[in-house]
Structures are given as C-alpha cells and as structure tokens.
Amino acid sequence: MTTHKIFNLIILDESGSMEAIKAATLTGFNEVVQTIQGASQLFPEQLHTVTLVTFNGLGITTRIDNQPAERLTLLTNELFKPNASTPLYDAMGRSLLRLEWLTEKETDYTVLVSILTDGEENASKEFTGLQIQAMIDRLKRRNWSFTYMGANHAVQKMAFSLSIEQSITFQTNEQDMKQLFERERKGRTAFYDKRSKGQSIKDAESNYFEQD
C-alpha cells in the first residue's frame, strides 16, 4: 500500500482574550487530535503528523512539532496560558516556512493548515499580510490547504485577504465553540476521505465547514 503523508498544522491564538474560551478551546482541540488519530484507522494508507503552534505577544511557541498522530499528548491547562496580543502574521509566516522546509522533499503528501483566532492581527513585526498572502498562494499550488476560524473581526474579509477560501465565524462562548469544533471535525474527516479517494485539494476542501 502506498503511504500518503498528511501534515496537519494547527495555528492557535493564545492571546489574552482567549482566556474567556480557554476550557472550550482545550476540549475542542483535543477532540480534533482524536479525530486525526482516528483517521489512521479510517484511512490506513494515510500517515498523519501534527504540528501545533500557539502565539501571543510574549512569543510564538511550537507545542507539538511534526509528531506522529498516535503519539500525541493532549493540550492541558499548563500548556495553554492566554496572554498579551495577537501577532497572527508572524505565527503564520514562521510556521508555514518551517513546514515548507520539512516537506520540500516529499512527493505523495498533503498539508492541512488550520488557523483559529478570536481577534485581529495587531502585533506582528516580521511578516505583513501581503507576504503571508503570497506565501499561501505559492503553497496552494503544492498540495496545501488552508482553513480559517475567527471571531471578533471581519473573518471572511480577513481570510479572503490571505487567499484562504474556507473560513467560518464563531462567537466566543462555550456553546458556539462546541458547534465550531464539531463542524471542524466533520470537515476534517470529509477532507481526509476525499483525499483518500484521489480528489484534488480544491475539491477536498470544498464546503469544509458545511458537511452534513
């Protein structure tokens, strides 16, 4: 059986405003991890790894670095401590460049990038929105797919400005977060299924957040 590698990159806002939805975020993220782990049984030809990057004005931290899905530990209160501002572009730029380097010699692979932020970019020093857009445009030509989950800003407009077509707006309360992560997990499973059947990246990501 041919092994198809799937690199799952999750870029998670850890700015101060995330404190209000910390518990729901931890639960939701850990359920996403379990969905990725379950994909190995559903689609045995897929080999999944996970990278988790959290970001705030105090730093951009790789919490999980390209780890095989079956070996993942769950995110805990001690590992996720919301604080400070929102350097979204810097978090994306650093994460995408590192994963691009990790995948440059791969041939049979997919990258699924998921971004979750409850606020607008306000603190980046290394990258601009135009630089991130150009990077995403380049990566989308190489089996990369992107989703954007946002609150408290013009989410669809922001995603569109970064060349990300699959976006969803959520409200920062526990019930809405629960529904968000449920839709994310359904979209993720459908994405893996479509890739397993040989569908293109564009077809696989279509209606990501609108699965039955």
N, C-alpha and C. Protein backbone atom coordinates (compact mmCIF):
# COMPACT_ATOMS: atom_id res chain seq x y z
N MET A 1 0.84 -1.20 0.00
CA MET A 1 0.00 0.00 0.00
C MET A 1 0.88 1.25 0.00
N THR A 2 0.55 2.19 -0.86
CA THR A 2 1.29 3.44 -0.91
C THR A 2 0.91 4.31 0.28
N THR A 3 1.92 4.87 0.92
CA THR A 3 1.66 5.74 2.07
C THR A 3 1.55 7.18 1.61
N HIS A 4 0.43 7.79 1.96
CA HIS A 4 0.22 9.21 1.66
C HIS A 4 0.36 9.99 2.96
N LYS A 5 1.36 10.85 3.03
CA LYS A 5 1.59 11.60 4.26
C LYS A 5 0.68 12.83 4.33
N ILE A 6 0.06 13.01 5.48
CA ILE A 6 -0.74 14.21 5.71
C ILE A 6 -0.16 14.95 6.90
N PHE A 7 0.28 16.17 6.64
CA PHE A 7 0.85 17.04 7.67
C PHE A 7 -0.26 17.99 8.14
N ASN A 8 -0.65 17.85 9.39
CA ASN A 8 -1.68 18.70 9.98
C ASN A 8 -1.00 19.80 10.79
N LEU A 9 -1.18 21.05 10.37
CA LEU A 9 -0.62 22.19 11.09
C LEU A 9 -1.76 23.00 11.69
N ILE A 10 -1.76 23.17 13.00
CA ILE A 10 -2.78 23.96 13.69
C ILE A 10 -2.09 25.17 14.32
N ILE A 11 -2.57 26.37 13.94
CA ILE A 11 -2.00 27.62 14.46
C ILE A 11 -3.07 28.24 15.36
N LEU A 12 -2.79 28.26 16.66
CA LEU A 12 -3.82 28.56 17.67
C LEU A 12 -3.48 29.83 18.45
N ASP A 13 -4.40 30.77 18.42
CA ASP A 13 -4.28 32.03 19.16
C ASP A 13 -4.19 31.75 20.66
N GLU A 14 -3.18 32.35 21.30
CA GLU A 14 -3.02 32.23 22.75
C GLU A 14 -2.97 33.63 23.38
N SER A 15 -3.61 34.59 22.70
CA SER A 15 -3.62 35.96 23.23
C SER A 15 -4.57 36.05 24.44
N GLY A 16 -4.50 37.16 25.15
CA GLY A 16 -5.22 37.29 26.42
C GLY A 16 -6.72 37.07 26.32
N SER A 17 -7.32 37.51 25.21
CA SER A 17 -8.78 37.39 25.09
C SER A 17 -9.25 35.94 24.98
N MET A 18 -8.33 35.02 24.66
CA MET A 18 -8.71 33.60 24.58
C MET A 18 -8.99 32.99 25.95
N GLU A 19 -8.63 33.70 27.01
CA GLU A 19 -8.87 33.18 28.37
C GLU A 19 -10.35 32.87 28.59
N ALA A 20 -11.22 33.70 28.03
CA ALA A 20 -12.66 33.52 28.24
C ALA A 20 -13.18 32.23 27.63
N ILE A 21 -12.50 31.70 26.63
CA ILE A 21 -12.95 30.47 25.99
C ILE A 21 -11.87 29.38 26.09
N LYS A 22 -11.03 29.50 27.10
CA LYS A 22 -9.91 28.57 27.26
C LYS A 22 -10.38 27.12 27.39
N ALA A 23 -11.34 26.87 28.28
CA ALA A 23 -11.79 25.49 28.53
C ALA A 23 -12.38 24.88 27.26
N ALA A 24 -13.21 25.66 26.55
CA ALA A 24 -13.83 25.15 25.33
C ALA A 24 -12.79 24.92 24.24
N THR A 25 -11.75 25.76 24.21
CA THR A 25 -10.69 25.60 23.22
C THR A 25 -9.87 24.34 23.49
N LEU A 26 -9.54 24.11 24.76
CA LEU A 26 -8.79 22.90 25.12
C LEU A 26 -9.57 21.65 24.75
N THR A 27 -10.85 21.62 25.12
CA THR A 27 -11.69 20.46 24.80
C THR A 27 -11.78 20.26 23.30
N GLY A 28 -12.05 21.35 22.58
CA GLY A 28 -12.20 21.26 21.13
C GLY A 28 -10.94 20.82 20.44
N PHE A 29 -9.80 21.39 20.84
CA PHE A 29 -8.53 20.98 20.23
C PHE A 29 -8.26 19.51 20.47
N ASN A 30 -8.47 19.05 21.68
CA ASN A 30 -8.20 17.65 21.99
C ASN A 30 -9.11 16.70 21.22
N GLU A 31 -10.33 17.13 20.94
CA GLU A 31 -11.23 16.32 20.11
C GLU A 31 -10.74 16.28 18.66
N VAL A 32 -10.18 17.40 18.19
CA VAL A 32 -9.59 17.41 16.85
C VAL A 32 -8.42 16.43 16.77
N VAL A 33 -7.59 16.43 17.80
CA VAL A 33 -6.46 15.48 17.85
C VAL A 33 -6.98 14.04 17.76
N GLN A 34 -8.05 13.75 18.50
CA GLN A 34 -8.61 12.40 18.48
C GLN A 34 -9.18 12.06 17.09
N THR A 35 -9.72 13.07 16.40
CA THR A 35 -10.20 12.86 15.03
C THR A 35 -9.04 12.51 14.10
N ILE A 36 -7.93 13.20 14.27
CA ILE A 36 -6.74 12.92 13.45
C ILE A 36 -6.22 11.51 13.75
N GLN A 37 -6.21 11.15 15.03
CA GLN A 37 -5.76 9.80 15.40
C GLN A 37 -6.68 8.75 14.80
N GLY A 38 -7.99 9.02 14.83
CA GLY A 38 -8.95 8.08 14.27
C GLY A 38 -8.83 7.92 12.77
N ALA A 39 -8.32 8.96 12.10
CA ALA A 39 -8.18 8.90 10.64
C ALA A 39 -7.23 7.79 10.21
N SER A 40 -6.29 7.47 11.07
CA SER A 40 -5.34 6.40 10.74
C SER A 40 -6.05 5.05 10.59
N GLN A 41 -7.13 4.85 11.36
CA GLN A 41 -7.90 3.62 11.21
C GLN A 41 -8.86 3.69 10.01
N LEU A 42 -9.46 4.86 9.82
CA LEU A 42 -10.40 5.03 8.71
C LEU A 42 -9.71 4.97 7.35
N PHE A 43 -8.52 5.56 7.29
CA PHE A 43 -7.78 5.66 6.03
C PHE A 43 -6.36 5.14 6.24
N PRO A 44 -6.20 3.80 6.25
CA PRO A 44 -4.91 3.21 6.64
C PRO A 44 -3.75 3.58 5.74
N GLU A 45 -4.04 4.07 4.53
CA GLU A 45 -2.93 4.46 3.65
C GLU A 45 -2.37 5.84 4.00
N GLN A 46 -3.07 6.56 4.90
CA GLN A 46 -2.62 7.89 5.29
C GLN A 46 -1.76 7.84 6.55
N LEU A 47 -0.66 8.56 6.52
CA LEU A 47 0.22 8.68 7.68
C LEU A 47 0.14 10.13 8.17
N HIS A 48 -0.45 10.32 9.34
CA HIS A 48 -0.71 11.67 9.84
C HIS A 48 0.33 12.13 10.85
N THR A 49 0.77 13.36 10.70
CA THR A 49 1.56 14.01 11.74
C THR A 49 0.88 15.32 12.11
N VAL A 50 1.20 15.82 13.31
CA VAL A 50 0.57 17.04 13.80
C VAL A 50 1.64 18.01 14.30
N THR A 51 1.47 19.28 13.91
CA THR A 51 2.25 20.37 14.47
C THR A 51 1.27 21.37 15.06
N LEU A 52 1.49 21.76 16.31
CA LEU A 52 0.67 22.78 16.96
C LEU A 52 1.56 23.96 17.32
N VAL A 53 1.17 25.14 16.81
CA VAL A 53 1.88 26.38 17.13
C VAL A 53 0.90 27.32 17.83
N THR A 54 1.27 27.80 19.02
CA THR A 54 0.45 28.81 19.70
C THR A 54 1.19 30.14 19.65
N PHE A 55 0.41 31.23 19.71
CA PHE A 55 1.07 32.53 19.56
C PHE A 55 0.39 33.62 20.39
N ASN A 56 1.22 34.51 20.93
CA ASN A 56 0.76 35.75 21.53
C ASN A 56 1.94 36.72 21.56
N GLY A 57 1.71 37.90 22.13
CA GLY A 57 2.75 38.92 22.12
C GLY A 57 3.99 38.57 22.92
N LEU A 58 3.91 37.53 23.75
CA LEU A 58 5.07 37.09 24.52
C LEU A 58 5.92 36.08 23.76
N GLY A 59 5.37 35.51 22.68
CA GLY A 59 6.15 34.55 21.92
C GLY A 59 5.30 33.66 21.02
N ILE A 60 5.98 33.02 20.10
CA ILE A 60 5.36 32.04 19.21
C ILE A 60 6.00 30.70 19.54
N THR A 61 5.19 29.75 19.95
CA THR A 61 5.72 28.51 20.53
C THR A 61 5.21 27.28 19.77
N THR A 62 6.15 26.42 19.36
CA THR A 62 5.77 25.14 18.77
C THR A 62 5.54 24.15 19.90
N ARG A 63 4.28 23.87 20.20
CA ARG A 63 3.93 22.97 21.30
C ARG A 63 4.07 21.50 20.90
N ILE A 64 3.73 21.21 19.66
CA ILE A 64 3.87 19.86 19.11
C ILE A 64 4.58 20.01 17.77
N ASP A 65 5.66 19.30 17.57
CA ASP A 65 6.49 19.52 16.38
C ASP A 65 6.49 18.30 15.47
N ASN A 66 5.56 18.28 14.50
CA ASN A 66 5.50 17.23 13.48
C ASN A 66 5.52 15.83 14.09
N GLN A 67 4.68 15.63 15.10
CA GLN A 67 4.64 14.35 15.81
C GLN A 67 3.65 13.39 15.14
N PRO A 68 3.99 12.10 15.07
CA PRO A 68 3.02 11.11 14.58
C PRO A 68 1.75 11.17 15.42
N ALA A 69 0.61 11.10 14.76
CA ALA A 69 -0.67 11.29 15.44
C ALA A 69 -0.86 10.36 16.63
N GLU A 70 -0.44 9.10 16.49
CA GLU A 70 -0.71 8.13 17.55
C GLU A 70 0.09 8.42 18.82
N ARG A 71 1.12 9.27 18.72
CA ARG A 71 1.96 9.54 19.89
C ARG A 71 1.63 10.87 20.58
N LEU A 72 0.58 11.52 20.14
CA LEU A 72 0.29 12.86 20.65
C LEU A 72 -0.23 12.85 22.08
N THR A 73 0.24 13.82 22.85
CA THR A 73 -0.36 14.08 24.16
C THR A 73 -1.37 15.20 23.98
N LEU A 74 -2.35 15.26 24.86
CA LEU A 74 -3.40 16.26 24.72
C LEU A 74 -2.95 17.60 25.32
N LEU A 75 -3.60 18.67 24.86
CA LEU A 75 -3.29 20.01 25.34
C LEU A 75 -3.90 20.20 26.74
N THR A 76 -3.13 20.79 27.64
CA THR A 76 -3.57 20.94 29.03
C THR A 76 -3.57 22.41 29.45
N ASN A 77 -4.15 22.66 30.62
CA ASN A 77 -4.15 24.00 31.20
C ASN A 77 -2.74 24.56 31.34
N GLU A 78 -1.80 23.69 31.68
CA GLU A 78 -0.43 24.14 31.91
C GLU A 78 0.27 24.54 30.61
N LEU A 79 -0.15 23.94 29.51
CA LEU A 79 0.50 24.21 28.22
C LEU A 79 -0.15 25.36 27.46
N PHE A 80 -1.35 25.77 27.86
CA PHE A 80 -2.07 26.81 27.12
C PHE A 80 -2.46 27.91 28.09
N LYS A 81 -1.74 29.04 28.04
CA LYS A 81 -1.93 30.13 29.00
C LYS A 81 -2.11 31.45 28.26
N PRO A 82 -3.36 31.78 27.90
CA PRO A 82 -3.62 33.01 27.14
C PRO A 82 -3.05 34.26 27.82
N ASN A 83 -2.44 35.13 26.98
CA ASN A 83 -1.84 36.36 27.49
C ASN A 83 -1.48 37.27 26.32
N ALA A 84 -1.49 38.57 26.55
CA ALA A 84 -0.93 39.55 25.62
C ALA A 84 -1.65 39.65 24.27
N SER A 85 -0.93 40.06 23.24
CA SER A 85 -1.51 40.49 21.96
C SER A 85 -1.52 39.40 20.90
N THR A 86 -1.76 39.80 19.62
CA THR A 86 -2.07 38.83 18.55
C THR A 86 -1.17 38.99 17.32
N PRO A 87 0.05 38.43 17.34
CA PRO A 87 0.95 38.50 16.18
C PRO A 87 0.64 37.38 15.17
N LEU A 88 -0.54 37.46 14.57
CA LEU A 88 -1.01 36.38 13.70
C LEU A 88 -0.10 36.15 12.49
N TYR A 89 0.28 37.23 11.80
CA TYR A 89 1.10 37.07 10.59
C TYR A 89 2.45 36.42 10.90
N ASP A 90 3.06 36.83 12.01
CA ASP A 90 4.35 36.25 12.37
C ASP A 90 4.21 34.76 12.68
N ALA A 91 3.14 34.40 13.39
CA ALA A 91 2.92 32.98 13.71
C ALA A 91 2.73 32.18 12.43
N MET A 92 1.94 32.72 11.50
CA MET A 92 1.72 32.02 10.24
C MET A 92 3.00 31.93 9.43
N GLY A 93 3.69 33.05 9.29
CA GLY A 93 4.90 33.07 8.48
C GLY A 93 5.94 32.07 8.95
N ARG A 94 6.22 32.10 10.24
CA ARG A 94 7.23 31.17 10.79
C ARG A 94 6.79 29.71 10.61
N SER A 95 5.53 29.43 10.92
CA SER A 95 5.02 28.05 10.87
C SER A 95 5.03 27.51 9.44
N LEU A 96 4.57 28.33 8.50
CA LEU A 96 4.49 27.87 7.11
C LEU A 96 5.87 27.65 6.52
N LEU A 97 6.81 28.54 6.81
CA LEU A 97 8.17 28.37 6.28
C LEU A 97 8.82 27.11 6.84
N ARG A 98 8.61 26.85 8.12
CA ARG A 98 9.21 25.64 8.72
C ARG A 98 8.62 24.37 8.11
N LEU A 99 7.30 24.35 7.95
CA LEU A 99 6.67 23.15 7.39
C LEU A 99 6.99 23.01 5.90
N GLU A 100 7.15 24.13 5.22
CA GLU A 100 7.57 24.05 3.82
C GLU A 100 8.95 23.39 3.72
N TRP A 101 9.82 23.75 4.63
CA TRP A 101 11.16 23.15 4.66
C TRP A 101 11.08 21.65 4.97
N LEU A 102 10.20 21.28 5.90
CA LEU A 102 10.07 19.87 6.28
C LEU A 102 9.50 19.01 5.15
N THR A 103 8.70 19.62 4.29
CA THR A 103 8.00 18.84 3.24
C THR A 103 8.65 18.99 1.87
N GLU A 104 9.76 19.71 1.76
CA GLU A 104 10.27 20.04 0.43
C GLU A 104 10.70 18.83 -0.38
N LYS A 105 11.04 17.73 0.27
CA LYS A 105 11.45 16.53 -0.47
C LYS A 105 10.32 15.50 -0.60
N GLU A 106 9.16 15.82 -0.06
CA GLU A 106 8.03 14.90 -0.14
C GLU A 106 7.39 14.96 -1.54
N THR A 107 6.82 13.84 -1.96
CA THR A 107 6.14 13.81 -3.25
C THR A 107 4.66 13.45 -3.09
N ASP A 108 4.37 12.43 -2.29
CA ASP A 108 2.99 11.99 -2.09
C ASP A 108 2.50 12.49 -0.73
N TYR A 109 2.00 13.72 -0.72
CA TYR A 109 1.67 14.32 0.57
C TYR A 109 0.58 15.38 0.43
N THR A 110 -0.02 15.73 1.57
CA THR A 110 -0.99 16.81 1.70
C THR A 110 -0.65 17.59 2.97
N VAL A 111 -0.83 18.89 2.93
CA VAL A 111 -0.72 19.71 4.15
C VAL A 111 -2.07 20.36 4.40
N LEU A 112 -2.60 20.20 5.61
CA LEU A 112 -3.84 20.86 6.00
C LEU A 112 -3.53 21.83 7.14
N VAL A 113 -3.66 23.13 6.84
CA VAL A 113 -3.36 24.18 7.82
C VAL A 113 -4.66 24.73 8.38
N SER A 114 -4.78 24.75 9.70
CA SER A 114 -5.98 25.27 10.38
C SER A 114 -5.57 26.42 11.29
N ILE A 115 -6.21 27.57 11.11
CA ILE A 115 -5.89 28.75 11.90
C ILE A 115 -7.11 29.10 12.75
N LEU A 116 -6.91 29.32 14.05
CA LEU A 116 -8.00 29.72 14.93
C LEU A 116 -7.56 30.94 15.73
N THR A 117 -8.31 32.04 15.58
CA THR A 117 -8.01 33.26 16.32
C THR A 117 -9.29 33.96 16.72
N ASP A 118 -9.30 34.53 17.93
CA ASP A 118 -10.51 35.24 18.37
C ASP A 118 -10.35 36.75 18.23
N GLY A 119 -9.36 37.18 17.46
CA GLY A 119 -9.17 38.61 17.27
C GLY A 119 -8.31 38.91 16.06
N GLU A 120 -8.19 40.18 15.77
CA GLU A 120 -7.47 40.61 14.58
C GLU A 120 -5.98 40.72 14.85
N GLU A 121 -5.20 40.50 13.80
CA GLU A 121 -3.76 40.75 13.85
C GLU A 121 -3.49 42.14 14.43
N ASN A 122 -2.54 42.21 15.40
CA ASN A 122 -2.22 43.54 15.94
C ASN A 122 -0.79 43.67 16.48
N ALA A 123 0.07 42.68 16.20
CA ALA A 123 1.38 42.75 16.86
C ALA A 123 2.55 42.18 16.05
N SER A 124 2.36 41.85 14.78
CA SER A 124 3.45 41.22 14.01
C SER A 124 4.55 42.21 13.66
N LYS A 125 5.78 41.73 13.69
CA LYS A 125 6.95 42.55 13.37
C LYS A 125 7.75 42.01 12.19
N GLU A 126 7.58 40.71 11.88
CA GLU A 126 8.40 40.08 10.85
C GLU A 126 7.71 39.97 9.50
N PHE A 127 6.39 39.76 9.51
CA PHE A 127 5.66 39.49 8.27
C PHE A 127 4.48 40.45 8.13
N THR A 128 4.15 40.77 6.88
CA THR A 128 2.96 41.56 6.58
C THR A 128 1.88 40.64 6.00
N GLY A 129 0.66 41.15 5.94
CA GLY A 129 -0.43 40.39 5.35
C GLY A 129 -0.14 40.03 3.89
N LEU A 130 0.45 40.96 3.15
CA LEU A 130 0.75 40.70 1.73
C LEU A 130 1.79 39.59 1.59
N GLN A 131 2.75 39.55 2.49
CA GLN A 131 3.76 38.48 2.44
C GLN A 131 3.11 37.13 2.74
N ILE A 132 2.20 37.09 3.70
CA ILE A 132 1.52 35.84 4.03
C ILE A 132 0.63 35.40 2.87
N GLN A 133 -0.07 36.34 2.26
CA GLN A 133 -0.91 36.02 1.10
C GLN A 133 -0.07 35.40 -0.02
N ALA A 134 1.07 36.00 -0.31
CA ALA A 134 1.93 35.48 -1.37
C ALA A 134 2.44 34.08 -1.03
N MET A 135 2.76 33.86 0.23
CA MET A 135 3.23 32.55 0.68
C MET A 135 2.12 31.50 0.50
N ILE A 136 0.92 31.85 0.90
CA ILE A 136 -0.21 30.91 0.79
C ILE A 136 -0.52 30.63 -0.68
N ASP A 137 -0.52 31.66 -1.52
CA ASP A 137 -0.75 31.45 -2.95
C ASP A 137 0.26 30.44 -3.52
N ARG A 138 1.51 30.56 -3.09
CA ARG A 138 2.55 29.64 -3.57
C ARG A 138 2.32 28.22 -3.07
N LEU A 139 2.00 28.11 -1.79
CA LEU A 139 1.85 26.78 -1.19
C LEU A 139 0.61 26.05 -1.70
N LYS A 140 -0.44 26.80 -2.03
CA LYS A 140 -1.67 26.17 -2.54
C LYS A 140 -1.43 25.45 -3.87
N ARG A 141 -0.37 25.79 -4.54
CA ARG A 141 -0.06 25.10 -5.80
C ARG A 141 0.69 23.80 -5.55
N ARG A 142 0.94 23.50 -4.26
CA ARG A 142 1.74 22.32 -3.92
C ARG A 142 1.05 21.43 -2.89
N ASN A 143 -0.24 21.19 -3.07
CA ASN A 143 -0.99 20.27 -2.19
C ASN A 143 -1.17 20.78 -0.77
N TRP A 144 -1.22 22.09 -0.60
CA TRP A 144 -1.51 22.68 0.70
C TRP A 144 -2.95 23.20 0.70
N SER A 145 -3.64 23.02 1.83
CA SER A 145 -5.00 23.51 2.00
C SER A 145 -5.07 24.31 3.30
N PHE A 146 -5.94 25.33 3.33
CA PHE A 146 -6.00 26.25 4.47
C PHE A 146 -7.44 26.47 4.92
N THR A 147 -7.66 26.50 6.25
CA THR A 147 -8.95 26.91 6.80
C THR A 147 -8.70 27.97 7.86
N TYR A 148 -9.69 28.86 8.02
CA TYR A 148 -9.54 29.99 8.94
C TYR A 148 -10.79 30.09 9.80
N MET A 149 -10.61 30.02 11.12
CA MET A 149 -11.70 30.14 12.09
C MET A 149 -11.47 31.38 12.92
N GLY A 150 -12.44 32.31 12.92
CA GLY A 150 -12.20 33.58 13.59
C GLY A 150 -13.39 34.15 14.30
N ALA A 151 -13.11 35.06 15.25
CA ALA A 151 -14.16 35.77 15.99
C ALA A 151 -13.72 37.21 16.20
N ASN A 152 -14.71 38.07 16.41
CA ASN A 152 -14.47 39.47 16.79
C ASN A 152 -13.73 40.30 15.75
N HIS A 153 -13.78 39.90 14.50
CA HIS A 153 -13.26 40.73 13.41
C HIS A 153 -13.94 40.28 12.12
N ALA A 154 -13.67 40.98 11.03
CA ALA A 154 -14.28 40.66 9.74
C ALA A 154 -13.61 39.40 9.19
N VAL A 155 -14.10 38.25 9.64
CA VAL A 155 -13.41 36.98 9.42
C VAL A 155 -13.29 36.63 7.93
N GLN A 156 -14.41 36.69 7.22
CA GLN A 156 -14.38 36.32 5.81
C GLN A 156 -13.47 37.25 5.01
N LYS A 157 -13.53 38.53 5.31
CA LYS A 157 -12.67 39.51 4.64
C LYS A 157 -11.20 39.24 4.93
N MET A 158 -10.90 38.92 6.19
CA MET A 158 -9.52 38.62 6.58
C MET A 158 -9.01 37.37 5.87
N ALA A 159 -9.82 36.32 5.88
CA ALA A 159 -9.42 35.08 5.21
C ALA A 159 -9.20 35.33 3.72
N PHE A 160 -10.12 36.04 3.10
CA PHE A 160 -10.01 36.33 1.67
C PHE A 160 -8.73 37.11 1.36
N SER A 161 -8.38 38.05 2.24
CA SER A 161 -7.16 38.85 2.03
C SER A 161 -5.90 37.99 2.08
N LEU A 162 -6.01 36.83 2.72
CA LEU A 162 -4.86 35.91 2.82
C LEU A 162 -4.96 34.77 1.81
N SER A 163 -5.92 34.84 0.89
CA SER A 163 -6.14 33.78 -0.12
C SER A 163 -6.64 32.48 0.49
N ILE A 164 -7.37 32.58 1.61
CA ILE A 164 -7.96 31.40 2.24
C ILE A 164 -9.46 31.41 1.94
N GLU A 165 -9.93 30.37 1.27
CA GLU A 165 -11.33 30.32 0.84
C GLU A 165 -12.26 29.71 1.89
N GLN A 166 -11.74 28.81 2.70
CA GLN A 166 -12.59 28.11 3.67
C GLN A 166 -12.48 28.79 5.03
N SER A 167 -13.52 29.56 5.41
CA SER A 167 -13.48 30.27 6.69
C SER A 167 -14.83 30.15 7.40
N ILE A 168 -14.79 30.39 8.70
CA ILE A 168 -16.01 30.33 9.49
C ILE A 168 -15.88 31.32 10.65
N THR A 169 -17.00 31.98 10.98
CA THR A 169 -17.03 32.93 12.10
C THR A 169 -17.69 32.26 13.30
N PHE A 170 -17.08 32.44 14.47
CA PHE A 170 -17.68 31.89 15.68
C PHE A 170 -17.85 32.99 16.73
N GLN A 171 -18.74 32.74 17.66
CA GLN A 171 -18.92 33.63 18.81
C GLN A 171 -18.15 33.05 19.99
N THR A 172 -17.61 33.94 20.81
CA THR A 172 -16.74 33.47 21.90
C THR A 172 -17.55 33.09 23.14
N ASN A 173 -18.30 32.01 22.99
CA ASN A 173 -18.98 31.41 24.13
C ASN A 173 -18.89 29.89 23.99
N GLU A 174 -19.13 29.21 25.09
CA GLU A 174 -18.89 27.76 25.13
C GLU A 174 -19.74 26.99 24.12
N GLN A 175 -21.01 27.33 23.99
CA GLN A 175 -21.90 26.63 23.09
C GLN A 175 -21.46 26.79 21.63
N ASP A 176 -21.12 28.01 21.25
CA ASP A 176 -20.71 28.27 19.88
C ASP A 176 -19.38 27.58 19.57
N MET A 177 -18.49 27.58 20.54
CA MET A 177 -17.19 26.89 20.35
C MET A 177 -17.40 25.39 20.15
N LYS A 178 -18.33 24.83 20.89
CA LYS A 178 -18.64 23.40 20.74
C LYS A 178 -19.12 23.10 19.33
N GLN A 179 -20.02 23.95 18.82
CA GLN A 179 -20.53 23.77 17.45
C GLN A 179 -19.42 23.98 16.41
N LEU A 180 -18.55 24.97 16.67
CA LEU A 180 -17.43 25.23 15.76
C LEU A 180 -16.56 23.99 15.61
N PHE A 181 -16.15 23.42 16.74
CA PHE A 181 -15.25 22.28 16.68
C PHE A 181 -15.93 21.04 16.09
N GLU A 182 -17.23 20.93 16.31
CA GLU A 182 -17.96 19.82 15.69
C GLU A 182 -17.93 19.95 14.16
N ARG A 183 -18.14 21.16 13.67
CA ARG A 183 -18.10 21.38 12.22
C ARG A 183 -16.67 21.19 11.70
N GLU A 184 -15.70 21.61 12.48
CA GLU A 184 -14.31 21.43 12.07
C GLU A 184 -13.97 19.95 11.93
N ARG A 185 -14.40 19.15 12.89
CA ARG A 185 -14.08 17.72 12.85
C ARG A 185 -14.76 17.03 11.67
N LYS A 186 -16.02 17.41 11.40
CA LYS A 186 -16.72 16.83 10.24
C LYS A 186 -16.02 17.22 8.94
N GLY A 187 -15.63 18.48 8.85
CA GLY A 187 -14.93 18.94 7.65
C GLY A 187 -13.60 18.24 7.47
N ARG A 188 -12.90 18.04 8.56
CA ARG A 188 -11.58 17.38 8.52
C ARG A 188 -11.73 15.93 8.06
N THR A 189 -12.69 15.22 8.62
CA THR A 189 -12.90 13.82 8.24
C THR A 189 -13.28 13.71 6.76
N ALA A 190 -14.17 14.62 6.30
CA ALA A 190 -14.56 14.62 4.90
C ALA A 190 -13.37 14.93 4.00
N PHE A 191 -12.51 15.85 4.45
CA PHE A 191 -11.31 16.20 3.69
C PHE A 191 -10.40 14.99 3.52
N TYR A 192 -10.15 14.28 4.62
CA TYR A 192 -9.30 13.08 4.55
C TYR A 192 -9.92 12.03 3.62
N ASP A 193 -11.23 11.88 3.72
CA ASP A 193 -11.94 10.89 2.91
C ASP A 193 -11.79 11.23 1.42
N LYS A 194 -11.99 12.49 1.08
CA LYS A 194 -11.88 12.89 -0.33
C LYS A 194 -10.45 12.72 -0.85
N ARG A 195 -9.47 13.04 -0.01
CA ARG A 195 -8.07 12.84 -0.44
C ARG A 195 -7.78 11.35 -0.62
N SER A 196 -8.36 10.53 0.26
CA SER A 196 -8.18 9.08 0.17
C SER A 196 -8.71 8.55 -1.17
N LYS A 197 -9.77 9.20 -1.67
CA LYS A 197 -10.38 8.78 -2.94
C LYS A 197 -9.73 9.44 -4.15
N GLY A 198 -8.67 10.21 -3.91
CA GLY A 198 -7.92 10.79 -5.03
C GLY A 198 -8.42 12.14 -5.51
N GLN A 199 -9.34 12.76 -4.74
CA GLN A 199 -9.82 14.07 -5.17
C GLN A 199 -8.75 15.14 -4.99
N SER A 200 -8.83 16.18 -5.79
CA SER A 200 -7.86 17.27 -5.72
C SER A 200 -7.99 18.02 -4.41
N ILE A 201 -6.97 18.80 -4.09
CA ILE A 201 -7.02 19.63 -2.89
C ILE A 201 -8.23 20.55 -2.93
N LYS A 202 -8.45 21.19 -4.05
CA LYS A 202 -9.56 22.15 -4.17
C LYS A 202 -10.90 21.46 -3.93
N ASP A 203 -11.07 20.28 -4.51
CA ASP A 203 -12.33 19.54 -4.31
C ASP A 203 -12.43 19.02 -2.87
N ALA A 204 -11.32 18.59 -2.31
CA ALA A 204 -11.34 18.04 -0.96
C ALA A 204 -11.72 19.09 0.08
N GLU A 205 -11.27 20.33 -0.14
CA GLU A 205 -11.56 21.37 0.86
C GLU A 205 -12.89 22.06 0.63
N SER A 206 -13.54 21.77 -0.49
CA SER A 206 -14.81 22.42 -0.83
C SER A 206 -15.85 22.23 0.27
N ASN A 207 -16.50 23.33 0.66
CA ASN A 207 -17.54 23.29 1.70
C ASN A 207 -17.06 22.65 3.01
N TYR A 208 -15.83 22.94 3.36
CA TYR A 208 -15.18 22.32 4.52
C TYR A 208 -16.05 22.40 5.77
N PHE A 209 -16.63 23.58 6.03
CA PHE A 209 -17.39 23.77 7.27
C PHE A 209 -18.88 23.52 7.09
N GLU A 210 -19.27 22.95 5.96
CA GLU A 210 -20.69 22.76 5.64
C GLU A 210 -21.06 21.29 5.43
N GLN A 211 -20.35 20.39 6.07
CA GLN A 211 -20.64 18.96 5.92
C GLN A 211 -21.89 18.59 6.72
N ASP A 212 -22.62 17.60 6.24
CA ASP A 212 -23.82 17.12 6.95
C ASP A 212 -23.43 16.39 8.22
